[in-house]
Amino acid sequence: MAFNKDSVLGTMTFTVVLCLVCSFMITGTADVLKERKLVKKRNELMQNVLVAADIKDVADVKATFEARVRPVMVNLATGELHDRDNILDYDERMAAINPQTSSKIAKDTARIKTRANEIRVFKVLDDKGELQALVLPVYGKGLWSIIYGFVGVKADFNTITGAVFYEHGETPGIGDFINHDDWLAKWQGKQIFNAKGDVAFKIVKGEAKAGDLSAVDGVSGATRTGAGVAKAVQFWFGPEGFEAVLGKLKAAGV
């Protein structure tokens, strides 16, 4: 029997086929866009890690990252380091809100309530394959938003190589000073810990005193944003952050 495309059955068949074709096209497009988004996210991550390690203006960010950076997972409670598949796509934010992969924070100076049990850190090597810097993620509440960034420290796990803050919702023209290169340059050479081993880093009102190795200048009108950044650093380098892993690395002489 001849197929009548103008019949009810013909119309329904055409509609179903059209829906299936459109569905396949949309699914394919979504997969392509998802992969492009992941690639962009990875590239931004690589760039930020290199900047925090004071490696700037490289011709090929991906090649430099792959040659010199070794991402590893850290168990924050034990300080143990281990590898993980697809580590560049690991989502600490999702892990931090999942009760099975996160812990509540006892002393929540960063005002983030929970943090992931495991988090990525980045070993940055020099031309000889020796550890040049360790880049660590930090984040905490500013005035209006959670501020996300990276802080790099030298192989002494104390002296700052650089910092970058890549995401926030602070007041434009005031709180966004945390993205200014001239302000971030003041972090270089500062120290996280004092001679007793306590976290001493701070952002002060006005200018830091000469000779204060742990103080960075604040910015007038953005005191709470600066305080949020300082408290984030203090939290992440403290007992509920990277204290255990830094202790293990020091003991191992890495």
Protein backbone atom coordinates (compact mmCIF):
# COMPACT_ATOMS: atom_id res chain seq x y z
CA MET A 1 0.00 0.00 0.00
CA ALA A 2 1.39 3.38 -0.96
CA PHE A 3 2.45 5.70 1.87
CA ASN A 4 0.30 8.84 1.98
CA LYS A 5 2.33 11.64 3.48
CA ASP A 6 -0.74 13.84 3.71
CA SER A 7 -2.60 11.36 5.89
CA VAL A 8 -2.78 11.49 9.67
CA LEU A 9 -0.27 8.63 9.87
CA GLY A 10 2.01 10.38 7.41
CA THR A 11 1.90 13.63 9.37
CA MET A 12 2.64 11.82 12.63
CA THR A 13 5.52 9.90 11.07
CA PHE A 14 7.04 13.09 9.65
CA THR A 15 6.69 14.82 13.04
CA VAL A 16 8.36 11.95 14.92
CA VAL A 17 11.25 11.77 12.43
CA LEU A 18 11.72 15.54 12.58
CA CYS A 19 11.76 15.48 16.38
CA LEU A 20 14.34 12.70 16.41
CA VAL A 21 16.59 14.53 13.94
CA CYS A 22 16.34 17.76 15.94
CA SER A 23 17.05 15.86 19.16
CA PHE A 24 20.20 14.31 17.70
CA MET A 25 21.34 17.70 16.43
CA ILE A 26 20.76 19.39 19.78
CA THR A 27 22.53 16.58 21.65
CA GLY A 28 25.51 16.79 19.32
CA THR A 29 25.67 20.58 19.63
CA ALA A 30 25.43 20.36 23.43
CA ASP A 31 28.33 17.88 23.54
CA VAL A 32 30.47 20.15 21.36
CA LEU A 33 29.68 23.21 23.50
CA LYS A 34 30.34 21.26 26.70
CA GLU A 35 33.77 20.20 25.46
CA ARG A 36 34.59 23.75 24.37
CA LYS A 37 33.60 25.01 27.81
CA LEU A 38 35.84 22.42 29.46
CA VAL A 39 38.76 23.36 27.20
CA LYS A 40 38.30 27.04 28.06
CA LYS A 41 38.12 26.24 31.77
CA ARG A 42 41.29 24.15 31.57
CA ASN A 43 43.15 26.89 29.70
CA GLU A 44 42.14 29.49 32.28
CA LEU A 45 43.23 27.15 35.07
CA MET A 46 46.63 26.63 33.45
CA GLN A 47 47.11 30.37 32.95
CA ASN A 48 46.19 31.18 36.56
CA VAL A 49 48.49 28.52 38.01
CA LEU A 50 51.43 29.78 35.96
CA VAL A 51 50.79 33.39 36.98
CA ALA A 52 50.64 32.43 40.66
CA ALA A 53 53.99 30.68 40.21
CA ASP A 54 55.38 33.89 38.65
CA ILE A 55 55.64 32.36 35.18
CA LYS A 56 54.23 34.99 32.87
CA ASP A 57 54.13 36.00 29.22
CA VAL A 58 54.79 32.49 27.92
CA ALA A 59 54.26 31.83 24.23
CA ASP A 60 52.34 28.57 24.75
CA VAL A 61 50.49 28.28 28.05
CA LYS A 62 49.41 24.67 27.56
CA ALA A 63 52.86 23.45 26.54
CA THR A 64 54.52 25.28 29.43
CA PHE A 65 51.97 23.94 31.91
CA GLU A 66 52.34 20.36 30.71
CA ALA A 67 56.14 20.59 30.81
CA ARG A 68 56.48 22.22 34.22
CA VAL A 69 53.35 21.62 36.31
CA ARG A 70 52.35 18.44 38.15
CA PRO A 71 48.79 18.61 39.51
CA VAL A 72 48.13 16.30 42.47
CA MET A 73 45.22 15.62 44.78
CA VAL A 74 45.59 16.33 48.49
CA ASN A 75 43.68 14.82 51.37
CA LEU A 76 43.37 17.83 53.66
CA ALA A 77 42.91 15.77 56.82
CA THR A 78 45.96 13.53 56.36
CA GLY A 79 48.12 15.57 54.02
CA GLU A 80 48.49 12.57 51.70
CA LEU A 81 49.05 13.29 47.99
CA HIS A 82 47.86 11.07 45.16
CA ASP A 83 47.09 11.13 41.45
CA ARG A 84 43.62 11.24 39.93
CA ASP A 85 42.26 10.71 36.43
CA ASN A 86 41.06 13.88 34.66
CA ILE A 87 42.42 15.95 37.51
CA LEU A 88 42.13 19.24 35.59
CA ASP A 89 38.37 18.71 35.38
CA TYR A 90 37.94 17.98 39.10
CA ASP A 91 35.32 20.30 40.60
CA GLU A 92 36.20 21.33 44.16
CA ARG A 93 33.06 23.42 44.41
CA MET A 94 30.75 20.48 43.82
CA ALA A 95 32.85 18.36 46.18
CA ALA A 96 32.57 21.08 48.83
CA ILE A 97 28.76 20.99 48.86
CA ASN A 98 28.40 17.22 48.65
CA PRO A 99 28.04 15.80 52.20
CA GLN A 100 29.87 12.62 51.12
CA THR A 101 32.96 14.47 49.88
CA SER A 102 33.10 17.46 52.22
CA SER A 103 33.46 18.44 55.86
CA LYS A 104 31.97 21.21 57.95
CA ILE A 105 34.49 23.80 59.05
CA ALA A 106 35.01 24.25 62.78
CA LYS A 107 36.62 27.69 62.67
CA ASP A 108 35.11 29.27 59.58
CA THR A 109 37.17 32.44 59.24
CA ALA A 110 36.80 32.27 55.44
CA ARG A 111 32.99 32.06 55.78
CA ILE A 112 32.56 29.15 53.38
CA LYS A 113 30.81 26.72 55.81
CA THR A 114 32.17 23.51 54.25
CA ARG A 115 35.22 22.49 52.26
CA ALA A 116 36.07 19.52 50.08
CA ASN A 117 37.94 16.67 51.74
CA GLU A 118 40.27 16.51 48.77
CA ILE A 119 41.54 19.39 46.69
CA ARG A 120 44.04 19.98 43.88
CA VAL A 121 47.45 21.53 44.38
CA PHE A 122 50.04 22.19 41.68
CA LYS A 123 53.75 21.43 41.88
CA VAL A 124 55.65 23.77 39.55
CA LEU A 125 59.11 22.62 38.49
CA ASP A 126 62.13 24.57 37.28
CA ASP A 127 64.25 23.72 34.22
CA LYS A 128 66.13 21.08 36.23
CA GLY A 129 62.97 19.33 37.40
CA GLU A 130 63.29 20.67 40.95
CA LEU A 131 60.34 22.16 42.82
CA GLN A 132 60.16 25.88 42.08
CA ALA A 133 56.78 26.68 43.56
CA LEU A 134 53.67 25.11 45.01
CA VAL A 135 50.43 26.72 43.85
CA LEU A 136 47.44 26.35 46.16
CA PRO A 137 43.79 27.28 45.64
CA VAL A 138 42.25 29.70 48.15
CA TYR A 139 38.78 31.11 48.43
CA GLY A 140 36.60 32.91 50.93
CA LYS A 141 33.85 35.48 51.40
CA GLY A 142 34.61 39.09 50.58
CA LEU A 143 32.09 41.91 50.96
CA TRP A 144 29.52 40.63 48.49
CA SER A 145 30.81 37.39 47.06
CA ILE A 146 33.04 34.35 47.35
CA ILE A 147 36.47 35.29 46.00
CA TYR A 148 38.36 32.49 44.22
CA GLY A 149 42.08 32.53 43.58
CA PHE A 150 45.48 30.87 43.73
CA VAL A 151 48.52 31.65 45.87
CA GLY A 152 51.95 30.33 44.96
CA VAL A 153 54.77 29.78 47.44
CA LYS A 154 58.41 28.94 46.87
CA ALA A 155 59.97 25.60 47.80
CA ASP A 156 60.29 26.87 51.39
CA PHE A 157 56.45 26.70 51.46
CA ASN A 158 56.39 30.17 52.95
CA THR A 159 57.59 32.90 50.57
CA ILE A 160 54.91 34.00 48.12
CA THR A 161 55.72 33.83 44.41
CA GLY A 162 52.47 35.40 43.30
CA ALA A 163 48.70 35.47 43.59
CA VAL A 164 45.77 35.65 41.21
CA PHE A 165 42.05 36.10 41.89
CA TYR A 166 40.06 34.91 38.93
CA GLU A 167 36.45 35.08 40.07
CA HIS A 168 34.47 37.35 42.38
CA GLY A 169 31.48 39.68 42.53
CA GLU A 170 33.01 42.55 44.48
CA THR A 171 32.11 46.19 43.80
CA PRO A 172 33.38 47.32 40.37
CA GLY A 173 35.88 50.15 40.63
CA ILE A 174 36.44 49.52 44.35
CA GLY A 175 36.61 45.88 45.38
CA ASP A 176 38.05 44.76 42.07
CA PHE A 177 41.45 46.11 43.10
CA ILE A 178 42.25 42.45 43.81
CA ASN A 179 42.66 42.00 40.06
CA HIS A 180 45.11 44.90 39.63
CA ASP A 181 48.63 43.85 38.67
CA ASP A 182 50.28 46.61 40.71
CA TRP A 183 48.53 45.45 43.90
CA LEU A 184 49.19 41.76 43.25
CA ALA A 185 52.87 42.55 42.68
CA LYS A 186 53.06 43.58 46.36
CA TRP A 187 52.42 39.97 47.35
CA GLN A 188 55.67 38.73 45.85
CA GLY A 189 58.30 38.04 48.49
CA LYS A 190 55.85 38.26 51.39
CA GLN A 191 55.71 35.39 53.85
CA ILE A 192 52.72 33.36 55.00
CA PHE A 193 54.20 32.24 58.33
CA ASN A 194 56.17 34.01 61.04
CA ALA A 195 59.27 32.66 62.78
CA LYS A 196 57.12 30.60 65.17
CA GLY A 197 55.36 28.86 62.29
CA ASP A 198 52.05 30.64 62.83
CA VAL A 199 50.07 32.04 59.90
CA ALA A 200 50.91 35.74 59.95
CA PHE A 201 49.85 36.95 56.50
CA LYS A 202 47.56 39.96 56.58
CA ILE A 203 46.23 42.84 54.52
CA VAL A 204 46.47 46.05 56.51
CA LYS A 205 44.68 49.37 56.34
CA GLY A 206 46.81 51.82 54.38
CA GLU A 207 50.45 50.97 53.82
CA ALA A 208 52.25 48.06 55.40
CA LYS A 209 55.08 48.96 57.76
CA ALA A 210 58.56 48.81 56.29
CA GLY A 211 60.16 45.48 57.04
CA ASP A 212 56.88 43.69 57.73
CA LEU A 213 57.35 40.54 55.67
CA SER A 214 53.78 39.31 56.14
CA ALA A 215 51.75 42.44 55.43
CA VAL A 216 50.32 43.66 52.13
CA ASP A 217 48.91 47.17 51.63
CA GLY A 218 45.14 47.53 51.85
CA VAL A 219 43.02 49.76 49.62
CA SER A 220 40.96 52.62 50.98
CA GLY A 221 37.22 52.05 50.61
CA ALA A 222 37.58 48.30 50.15
CA THR A 223 38.51 47.21 53.66
CA ARG A 224 36.06 44.31 53.83
CA THR A 225 37.15 42.92 50.49
CA GLY A 226 40.77 43.01 51.62
CA ALA A 227 39.86 41.46 54.96
CA GLY A 228 38.02 38.67 53.15
CA VAL A 229 41.05 37.89 51.01
CA ALA A 230 43.34 37.89 54.05
CA LYS A 231 41.05 35.60 56.02
CA ALA A 232 40.79 33.23 53.06
CA VAL A 233 44.59 32.94 52.93
CA GLN A 234 44.79 32.53 56.70
CA PHE A 235 42.18 29.77 56.66
CA TRP A 236 43.63 27.79 53.77
CA PHE A 237 47.16 27.84 55.17
CA GLY A 238 45.85 26.87 58.61
CA PRO A 239 44.87 23.61 60.35
CA GLU A 240 41.70 22.96 58.32
CA GLY A 241 43.41 23.84 55.07
CA PHE A 242 46.89 22.93 53.85
CA GLU A 243 48.71 22.64 57.17
CA ALA A 244 48.91 18.83 57.03
CA VAL A 245 50.16 18.60 53.46
CA LEU A 246 52.73 21.37 53.95
CA GLY A 247 53.99 19.52 57.00
CA LYS A 248 54.39 16.29 55.04
CA LEU A 249 56.17 18.04 52.18
CA LYS A 250 58.59 19.73 54.57
CA ALA A 251 59.28 16.45 56.37
CA ALA A 252 59.94 14.74 53.05
CA GLY A 253 62.31 17.49 52.00
CA VAL A 254 60.41 17.99 48.75
